[in-house]
């Protein structure tokens, strides 16, 4: 019999990300579907137009990475319910753009905080908001006693410069002023670090808003694992 290729979906990253995305979307979709009678595709169109008004349907599809036909059908349903308005773009009569109507804006204002709350609760499973501690045990290692002693010696030599050298703004502050602990945080404990961001407004245009749609790229800095099993794979099995 011919041998066939094998694909272990449980550990295939694109498949796992797709499943995760669908589950997260459905977690909040049940709430706005019952209240407003819209589906995931309609909400994504509303979310994009709430953040970036006056886009064409093609531009909405590009920002959501959804199929153009699916976006077109969602836009048609939203137009029929007067949740989205269509207009021409300035002097270019050939280009039509979309924007939220008052009804669409009201839905956006109600759902956006729910989405942000879901995001906060998801991230809080990975990282403690107050201390920055990475919660999943497989990412953490047992710190040897001699390393803790060395951290105390280094703290005596470095003093408060360990954390005072950073330009904390306003009411921000380090998670602790215990210098040995801060040294261990940077050398032995895992941390979630944002290594890139896109879609954020320039400082001169920044302001308060109820939702945002930036693109983030982050990475976990994990110290040598206590076992041979990679931490991400161990976490995926939980």
C-alpha atoms as a PDB file:
ATOM      1  CA  UNK A   1       0.000   0.000   0.000  1.00  0.00           C
ATOM      2  CA  UNK A   2       1.254   3.512  -0.777  1.00  0.00           C
ATOM      3  CA  UNK A   3       2.506   5.546   2.150  1.00  0.00           C
ATOM      4  CA  UNK A   4       0.631   8.773   2.781  1.00  0.00           C
ATOM      5  CA  UNK A   5       1.904  11.964   4.316  1.00  0.00           C
ATOM      6  CA  UNK A   6       1.000  12.517   7.953  1.00  0.00           C
ATOM      7  CA  UNK A   7       0.025  15.850   9.497  1.00  0.00           C
ATOM      8  CA  UNK A   8      -0.210  16.030  13.284  1.00  0.00           C
ATOM      9  CA  UNK A   9      -2.927  18.695  13.541  1.00  0.00           C
ATOM     10  CA  UNK A  10      -2.743  18.837  17.336  1.00  0.00           C
ATOM     11  CA  UNK A  11       0.738  20.331  17.027  1.00  0.00           C
ATOM     12  CA  UNK A  12       0.365  22.133  13.666  1.00  0.00           C
ATOM     13  CA  UNK A  13       0.542  25.830  14.560  1.00  0.00           C
ATOM     14  CA  UNK A  14      -1.735  27.264  11.798  1.00  0.00           C
ATOM     15  CA  UNK A  15      -4.452  24.751  12.700  1.00  0.00           C
ATOM     16  CA  UNK A  16      -4.162  25.487  16.425  1.00  0.00           C
ATOM     17  CA  UNK A  17      -4.302  29.241  15.852  1.00  0.00           C
ATOM     18  CA  UNK A  18      -7.367  28.840  13.643  1.00  0.00           C
ATOM     19  CA  UNK A  19      -9.165  26.781  16.293  1.00  0.00           C
ATOM     20  CA  UNK A  20      -8.177  29.242  19.013  1.00  0.00           C
ATOM     21  CA  UNK A  21      -9.399  32.212  16.977  1.00  0.00           C
ATOM     22  CA  UNK A  22     -12.739  30.533  16.283  1.00  0.00           C
ATOM     23  CA  UNK A  23     -13.270  29.606  19.918  1.00  0.00           C
ATOM     24  CA  UNK A  24     -12.501  33.124  21.120  1.00  0.00           C
ATOM     25  CA  UNK A  25     -14.802  34.628  18.511  1.00  0.00           C
ATOM     26  CA  UNK A  26     -17.626  32.279  19.470  1.00  0.00           C
ATOM     27  CA  UNK A  27     -17.131  33.024  23.170  1.00  0.00           C
ATOM     28  CA  UNK A  28     -18.347  36.573  22.673  1.00  0.00           C
ATOM     29  CA  UNK A  29     -20.472  35.971  19.547  1.00  0.00           C
ATOM     30  CA  UNK A  30     -23.195  34.270  21.573  1.00  0.00           C
ATOM     31  CA  UNK A  31     -23.626  37.435  23.611  1.00  0.00           C
ATOM     32  CA  UNK A  32     -24.009  39.923  20.770  1.00  0.00           C
ATOM     33  CA  UNK A  33     -25.906  37.481  18.563  1.00  0.00           C
ATOM     34  CA  UNK A  34     -28.703  37.215  21.127  1.00  0.00           C
ATOM     35  CA  UNK A  35     -28.768  40.928  21.897  1.00  0.00           C
ATOM     36  CA  UNK A  36     -28.299  42.449  18.446  1.00  0.00           C
ATOM     37  CA  UNK A  37     -28.964  39.633  15.999  1.00  0.00           C
ATOM     38  CA  UNK A  38     -25.603  39.884  14.230  1.00  0.00           C
ATOM     39  CA  UNK A  39     -22.993  37.251  13.498  1.00  0.00           C
ATOM     40  CA  UNK A  40     -19.217  37.135  13.682  1.00  0.00           C
ATOM     41  CA  UNK A  41     -18.721  38.531  10.179  1.00  0.00           C
ATOM     42  CA  UNK A  42     -21.082  41.470  10.772  1.00  0.00           C
ATOM     43  CA  UNK A  43     -19.368  42.285  14.065  1.00  0.00           C
ATOM     44  CA  UNK A  44     -15.939  42.269  12.457  1.00  0.00           C
ATOM     45  CA  UNK A  45     -17.142  44.730   9.827  1.00  0.00           C
ATOM     46  CA  UNK A  46     -18.620  46.949  12.552  1.00  0.00           C
ATOM     47  CA  UNK A  47     -15.412  46.705  14.604  1.00  0.00           C
ATOM     48  CA  UNK A  48     -13.241  47.757  11.664  1.00  0.00           C
ATOM     49  CA  UNK A  49     -15.514  50.649  10.683  1.00  0.00           C
ATOM     50  CA  UNK A  50     -15.678  51.768  14.300  1.00  0.00           C
ATOM     51  CA  UNK A  51     -11.891  52.058  14.314  1.00  0.00           C
ATOM     52  CA  UNK A  52     -11.362  53.070  10.679  1.00  0.00           C
ATOM     53  CA  UNK A  53     -14.409  54.847   9.199  1.00  0.00           C
ATOM     54  CA  UNK A  54     -14.818  55.652   5.506  1.00  0.00           C
ATOM     55  CA  UNK A  55     -13.369  52.438   4.120  1.00  0.00           C
ATOM     56  CA  UNK A  56     -14.487  50.652   0.997  1.00  0.00           C
ATOM     57  CA  UNK A  57     -15.747  47.084   1.252  1.00  0.00           C
ATOM     58  CA  UNK A  58     -12.494  45.886  -0.307  1.00  0.00           C
ATOM     59  CA  UNK A  59     -10.492  47.736   2.349  1.00  0.00           C
ATOM     60  CA  UNK A  60     -12.653  46.240   5.099  1.00  0.00           C
ATOM     61  CA  UNK A  61     -11.958  42.772   3.695  1.00  0.00           C
ATOM     62  CA  UNK A  62      -8.233  43.515   3.669  1.00  0.00           C
ATOM     63  CA  UNK A  63      -8.227  44.658   7.299  1.00  0.00           C
ATOM     64  CA  UNK A  64     -10.232  41.665   8.510  1.00  0.00           C
ATOM     65  CA  UNK A  65      -8.416  39.121   6.320  1.00  0.00           C
ATOM     66  CA  UNK A  66     -11.836  37.728   5.418  1.00  0.00           C
ATOM     67  CA  UNK A  67     -13.162  36.583   2.082  1.00  0.00           C
ATOM     68  CA  UNK A  68     -14.420  39.479  -0.056  1.00  0.00           C
ATOM     69  CA  UNK A  69     -17.695  37.698  -0.799  1.00  0.00           C
ATOM     70  CA  UNK A  70     -18.347  37.126   2.920  1.00  0.00           C
ATOM     71  CA  UNK A  71     -17.617  40.781   3.668  1.00  0.00           C
ATOM     72  CA  UNK A  72     -19.852  41.930   0.793  1.00  0.00           C
ATOM     73  CA  UNK A  73     -22.750  39.865   2.119  1.00  0.00           C
ATOM     74  CA  UNK A  74     -22.200  41.131   5.661  1.00  0.00           C
ATOM     75  CA  UNK A  75     -22.138  44.734   4.433  1.00  0.00           C
ATOM     76  CA  UNK A  76     -25.376  44.162   2.517  1.00  0.00           C
ATOM     77  CA  UNK A  77     -27.073  42.840   5.654  1.00  0.00           C
ATOM     78  CA  UNK A  78     -25.799  45.762   7.722  1.00  0.00           C
ATOM     79  CA  UNK A  79     -26.974  48.263   5.095  1.00  0.00           C
ATOM     80  CA  UNK A  80     -30.390  46.626   5.051  1.00  0.00           C
ATOM     81  CA  UNK A  81     -30.656  47.053   8.833  1.00  0.00           C
ATOM     82  CA  UNK A  82     -29.409  50.660   8.691  1.00  0.00           C
ATOM     83  CA  UNK A  83     -26.386  49.810  10.843  1.00  0.00           C
ATOM     84  CA  UNK A  84     -23.960  50.960   8.142  1.00  0.00           C
ATOM     85  CA  UNK A  85     -24.176  53.869   5.729  1.00  0.00           C
ATOM     86  CA  UNK A  86     -22.691  54.064   2.233  1.00  0.00           C
ATOM     87  CA  UNK A  87     -21.501  57.310   0.681  1.00  0.00           C
ATOM     88  CA  UNK A  88     -19.149  58.569  -2.012  1.00  0.00           C
ATOM     89  CA  UNK A  89     -15.617  59.490  -1.102  1.00  0.00           C
ATOM     90  CA  UNK A  90     -15.098  63.238  -1.363  1.00  0.00           C
ATOM     91  CA  UNK A  91     -14.743  64.350  -4.955  1.00  0.00           C
ATOM     92  CA  UNK A  92     -14.229  60.800  -6.245  1.00  0.00           C
ATOM     93  CA  UNK A  93     -17.786  59.838  -7.203  1.00  0.00           C
ATOM     94  CA  UNK A  94     -16.611  56.456  -8.426  1.00  0.00           C
ATOM     95  CA  UNK A  95     -15.487  55.260  -4.982  1.00  0.00           C
ATOM     96  CA  UNK A  96     -18.022  54.429  -2.273  1.00  0.00           C
ATOM     97  CA  UNK A  97     -17.072  54.229   1.379  1.00  0.00           C
ATOM     98  CA  UNK A  98     -18.758  52.802   4.438  1.00  0.00           C
ATOM     99  CA  UNK A  99     -19.323  54.223   7.905  1.00  0.00           C
ATOM    100  CA  UNK A 100     -21.332  53.253  10.947  1.00  0.00           C
ATOM    101  CA  UNK A 101     -24.787  54.737  11.355  1.00  0.00           C
ATOM    102  CA  UNK A 102     -25.991  55.829  14.786  1.00  0.00           C
ATOM    103  CA  UNK A 103     -27.415  52.364  15.327  1.00  0.00           C
ATOM    104  CA  UNK A 104     -24.167  50.741  14.276  1.00  0.00           C
ATOM    105  CA  UNK A 105     -22.176  53.047  16.523  1.00  0.00           C
ATOM    106  CA  UNK A 106     -24.415  52.152  19.464  1.00  0.00           C
ATOM    107  CA  UNK A 107     -23.752  48.440  18.900  1.00  0.00           C
ATOM    108  CA  UNK A 108     -20.036  49.147  18.596  1.00  0.00           C
ATOM    109  CA  UNK A 109     -20.017  51.097  21.868  1.00  0.00           C
ATOM    110  CA  UNK A 110     -21.721  48.220  23.685  1.00  0.00           C
ATOM    111  CA  UNK A 111     -19.746  45.313  22.249  1.00  0.00           C
ATOM    112  CA  UNK A 112     -16.260  46.869  22.290  1.00  0.00           C
ATOM    113  CA  UNK A 113     -15.998  46.898  26.108  1.00  0.00           C
ATOM    114  CA  UNK A 114     -17.120  43.249  26.170  1.00  0.00           C
ATOM    115  CA  UNK A 115     -14.391  42.362  23.687  1.00  0.00           C
ATOM    116  CA  UNK A 116     -11.764  44.230  25.705  1.00  0.00           C
ATOM    117  CA  UNK A 117     -12.908  42.523  28.897  1.00  0.00           C
ATOM    118  CA  UNK A 118     -12.585  39.133  27.186  1.00  0.00           C
ATOM    119  CA  UNK A 119      -9.084  40.080  26.045  1.00  0.00           C
ATOM    120  CA  UNK A 120      -8.134  41.080  29.598  1.00  0.00           C
ATOM    121  CA  UNK A 121      -9.442  37.808  31.036  1.00  0.00           C
ATOM    122  CA  UNK A 122      -7.605  35.768  28.409  1.00  0.00           C
ATOM    123  CA  UNK A 123      -4.305  37.530  29.057  1.00  0.00           C
ATOM    124  CA  UNK A 124      -4.754  37.274  32.820  1.00  0.00           C
ATOM    125  CA  UNK A 125      -4.593  33.485  32.424  1.00  0.00           C
ATOM    126  CA  UNK A 126      -1.065  33.928  31.084  1.00  0.00           C
ATOM    127  CA  UNK A 127       0.246  36.894  33.039  1.00  0.00           C
ATOM    128  CA  UNK A 128      -0.571  38.544  36.362  1.00  0.00           C
ATOM    129  CA  UNK A 129      -1.547  42.147  35.553  1.00  0.00           C
ATOM    130  CA  UNK A 130      -0.195  43.497  38.848  1.00  0.00           C
ATOM    131  CA  UNK A 131       3.181  41.749  39.014  1.00  0.00           C
ATOM    132  CA  UNK A 132       3.916  40.652  35.447  1.00  0.00           C
ATOM    133  CA  UNK A 133       4.364  37.070  36.652  1.00  0.00           C
ATOM    134  CA  UNK A 134       3.841  34.474  33.929  1.00  0.00           C
ATOM    135  CA  UNK A 135       1.265  32.068  35.374  1.00  0.00           C
ATOM    136  CA  UNK A 136       1.618  28.738  33.446  1.00  0.00           C
ATOM    137  CA  UNK A 137       3.898  26.515  35.517  1.00  0.00           C
ATOM    138  CA  UNK A 138       5.733  24.925  32.535  1.00  0.00           C
ATOM    139  CA  UNK A 139       7.286  28.319  31.714  1.00  0.00           C
ATOM    140  CA  UNK A 140       8.793  28.635  35.190  1.00  0.00           C
ATOM    141  CA  UNK A 141      11.824  26.919  36.682  1.00  0.00           C
ATOM    142  CA  UNK A 142      12.970  26.328  40.241  1.00  0.00           C
ATOM    143  CA  UNK A 143      15.651  28.893  41.038  1.00  0.00           C
ATOM    144  CA  UNK A 144      18.696  27.320  42.723  1.00  0.00           C
ATOM    145  CA  UNK A 145      19.541  28.651  46.180  1.00  0.00           C
ATOM    146  CA  UNK A 146      23.013  29.738  45.105  1.00  0.00           C
ATOM    147  CA  UNK A 147      21.525  31.884  42.319  1.00  0.00           C
ATOM    148  CA  UNK A 148      19.306  33.641  44.844  1.00  0.00           C
ATOM    149  CA  UNK A 149      22.377  34.328  46.975  1.00  0.00           C
ATOM    150  CA  UNK A 150      24.219  35.712  43.963  1.00  0.00           C
ATOM    151  CA  UNK A 151      21.238  37.962  43.172  1.00  0.00           C
ATOM    152  CA  UNK A 152      21.429  39.430  46.690  1.00  0.00           C
ATOM    153  CA  UNK A 153      25.149  40.127  46.267  1.00  0.00           C
ATOM    154  CA  UNK A 154      24.545  41.764  42.891  1.00  0.00           C
ATOM    155  CA  UNK A 155      21.719  43.827  44.390  1.00  0.00           C
ATOM    156  CA  UNK A 156      24.035  45.209  47.052  1.00  0.00           C
ATOM    157  CA  UNK A 157      26.456  46.325  44.354  1.00  0.00           C
ATOM    158  CA  UNK A 158      23.886  47.730  41.922  1.00  0.00           C
ATOM    159  CA  UNK A 159      21.443  49.226  44.391  1.00  0.00           C
ATOM    160  CA  UNK A 160      18.293  50.952  43.186  1.00  0.00           C
ATOM    161  CA  UNK A 161      19.793  51.616  39.745  1.00  0.00           C
ATOM    162  CA  UNK A 162      18.354  48.225  38.782  1.00  0.00           C
ATOM    163  CA  UNK A 163      14.928  49.862  38.466  1.00  0.00           C
ATOM    164  CA  UNK A 164      15.508  53.617  38.804  1.00  0.00           C
ATOM    165  CA  UNK A 165      17.347  53.763  35.472  1.00  0.00           C
ATOM    166  CA  UNK A 166      14.046  53.210  33.638  1.00  0.00           C
ATOM    167  CA  UNK A 167      11.952  56.326  32.820  1.00  0.00           C
ATOM    168  CA  UNK A 168       8.674  55.428  34.535  1.00  0.00           C
ATOM    169  CA  UNK A 169       5.910  57.828  33.506  1.00  0.00           C
ATOM    170  CA  UNK A 170       3.093  59.186  35.630  1.00  0.00           C
ATOM    171  CA  UNK A 171       1.846  56.653  38.154  1.00  0.00           C
ATOM    172  CA  UNK A 172       3.689  53.682  36.648  1.00  0.00           C
ATOM    173  CA  UNK A 173       6.174  51.833  38.794  1.00  0.00           C
ATOM    174  CA  UNK A 174       8.134  48.567  38.879  1.00  0.00           C
ATOM    175  CA  UNK A 175       6.286  45.487  40.144  1.00  0.00           C
ATOM    176  CA  UNK A 176       8.554  45.517  43.182  1.00  0.00           C
ATOM    177  CA  UNK A 177      11.349  47.558  44.742  1.00  0.00           C
ATOM    178  CA  UNK A 178      12.966  44.412  46.118  1.00  0.00           C
ATOM    179  CA  UNK A 179      16.196  44.604  44.111  1.00  0.00           C
ATOM    180  CA  UNK A 180      17.189  40.900  44.391  1.00  0.00           C
ATOM    181  CA  UNK A 181      13.727  39.898  43.178  1.00  0.00           C
ATOM    182  CA  UNK A 182      13.965  42.291  40.234  1.00  0.00           C
ATOM    183  CA  UNK A 183      17.305  40.769  39.267  1.00  0.00           C
ATOM    184  CA  UNK A 184      15.805  37.280  39.414  1.00  0.00           C
ATOM    185  CA  UNK A 185      12.880  38.518  37.293  1.00  0.00           C
ATOM    186  CA  UNK A 186      15.285  39.522  34.544  1.00  0.00           C
ATOM    187  CA  UNK A 187      17.531  36.455  34.729  1.00  0.00           C
ATOM    188  CA  UNK A 188      15.480  33.447  35.829  1.00  0.00           C
ATOM    189  CA  UNK A 189      11.783  34.183  35.530  1.00  0.00           C
ATOM    190  CA  UNK A 190       9.858  34.164  32.230  1.00  0.00           C
ATOM    191  CA  UNK A 191       8.315  37.360  30.900  1.00  0.00           C
ATOM    192  CA  UNK A 192       5.921  38.401  28.147  1.00  0.00           C
ATOM    193  CA  UNK A 193       7.517  41.131  26.040  1.00  0.00           C
ATOM    194  CA  UNK A 194       5.964  43.187  23.245  1.00  0.00           C
ATOM    195  CA  UNK A 195       8.550  43.250  20.467  1.00  0.00           C
ATOM    196  CA  UNK A 196       6.510  45.118  17.850  1.00  0.00           C
ATOM    197  CA  UNK A 197       3.240  46.933  17.264  1.00  0.00           C
ATOM    198  CA  UNK A 198       1.370  48.360  14.314  1.00  0.00           C
ATOM    199  CA  UNK A 199      -1.880  50.294  13.979  1.00  0.00           C
ATOM    200  CA  UNK A 200      -1.285  52.623  16.934  1.00  0.00           C
ATOM    201  CA  UNK A 201      -1.916  56.354  16.463  1.00  0.00           C
ATOM    202  CA  UNK A 202       0.944  58.826  16.540  1.00  0.00           C
ATOM    203  CA  UNK A 203       1.430  60.484  19.974  1.00  0.00           C
ATOM    204  CA  UNK A 204       0.023  63.789  18.693  1.00  0.00           C
ATOM    205  CA  UNK A 205      -3.181  62.036  17.613  1.00  0.00           C
ATOM    206  CA  UNK A 206      -3.510  59.658  20.567  1.00  0.00           C
ATOM    207  CA  UNK A 207      -6.443  59.929  22.932  1.00  0.00           C
ATOM    208  CA  UNK A 208      -9.047  58.045  24.870  1.00  0.00           C
ATOM    209  CA  UNK A 209     -11.058  55.460  22.951  1.00  0.00           C
ATOM    210  CA  UNK A 210     -13.198  52.496  23.891  1.00  0.00           C
ATOM    211  CA  UNK A 211     -11.580  50.040  21.483  1.00  0.00           C
ATOM    212  CA  UNK A 212      -8.530  49.626  19.359  1.00  0.00           C
ATOM    213  CA  UNK A 213      -7.376  47.391  16.544  1.00  0.00           C
ATOM    214  CA  UNK A 214      -3.571  47.350  16.521  1.00  0.00           C
ATOM    215  CA  UNK A 215      -1.453  44.445  15.385  1.00  0.00           C
ATOM    216  CA  UNK A 216       0.875  43.165  18.083  1.00  0.00           C
ATOM    217  CA  UNK A 217       3.838  40.860  18.026  1.00  0.00           C
ATOM    218  CA  UNK A 218       4.959  39.500  21.376  1.00  0.00           C
ATOM    219  CA  UNK A 219       7.287  36.824  22.650  1.00  0.00           C
ATOM    220  CA  UNK A 220       7.778  34.861  25.840  1.00  0.00           C
ATOM    221  CA  UNK A 221      11.285  34.955  27.216  1.00  0.00           C
ATOM    222  CA  UNK A 222      11.515  31.574  28.917  1.00  0.00           C
ATOM    223  CA  UNK A 223      14.474  30.443  30.985  1.00  0.00           C
ATOM    224  CA  UNK A 224      15.922  26.908  30.642  1.00  0.00           C
ATOM    225  CA  UNK A 225      12.957  24.564  31.177  1.00  0.00           C
ATOM    226  CA  UNK A 226      13.026  22.181  34.170  1.00  0.00           C
ATOM    227  CA  UNK A 227      12.234  19.207  31.912  1.00  0.00           C
ATOM    228  CA  UNK A 228      13.031  18.146  28.374  1.00  0.00           C
ATOM    229  CA  UNK A 229       9.431  18.691  27.261  1.00  0.00           C
ATOM    230  CA  UNK A 230       9.089  22.144  25.658  1.00  0.00           C
ATOM    231  CA  UNK A 231       6.910  24.446  27.740  1.00  0.00           C
ATOM    232  CA  UNK A 232       4.558  25.522  24.895  1.00  0.00           C
ATOM    233  CA  UNK A 233       3.749  21.877  24.075  1.00  0.00           C
ATOM    234  CA  UNK A 234       3.129  21.071  27.745  1.00  0.00           C
ATOM    235  CA  UNK A 235       0.809  24.056  28.040  1.00  0.00           C
ATOM    236  CA  UNK A 236      -1.122  23.002  24.936  1.00  0.00           C
ATOM    237  CA  UNK A 237      -1.973  19.712  26.582  1.00  0.00           C
ATOM    238  CA  UNK A 238      -3.647  21.371  29.592  1.00  0.00           C
END
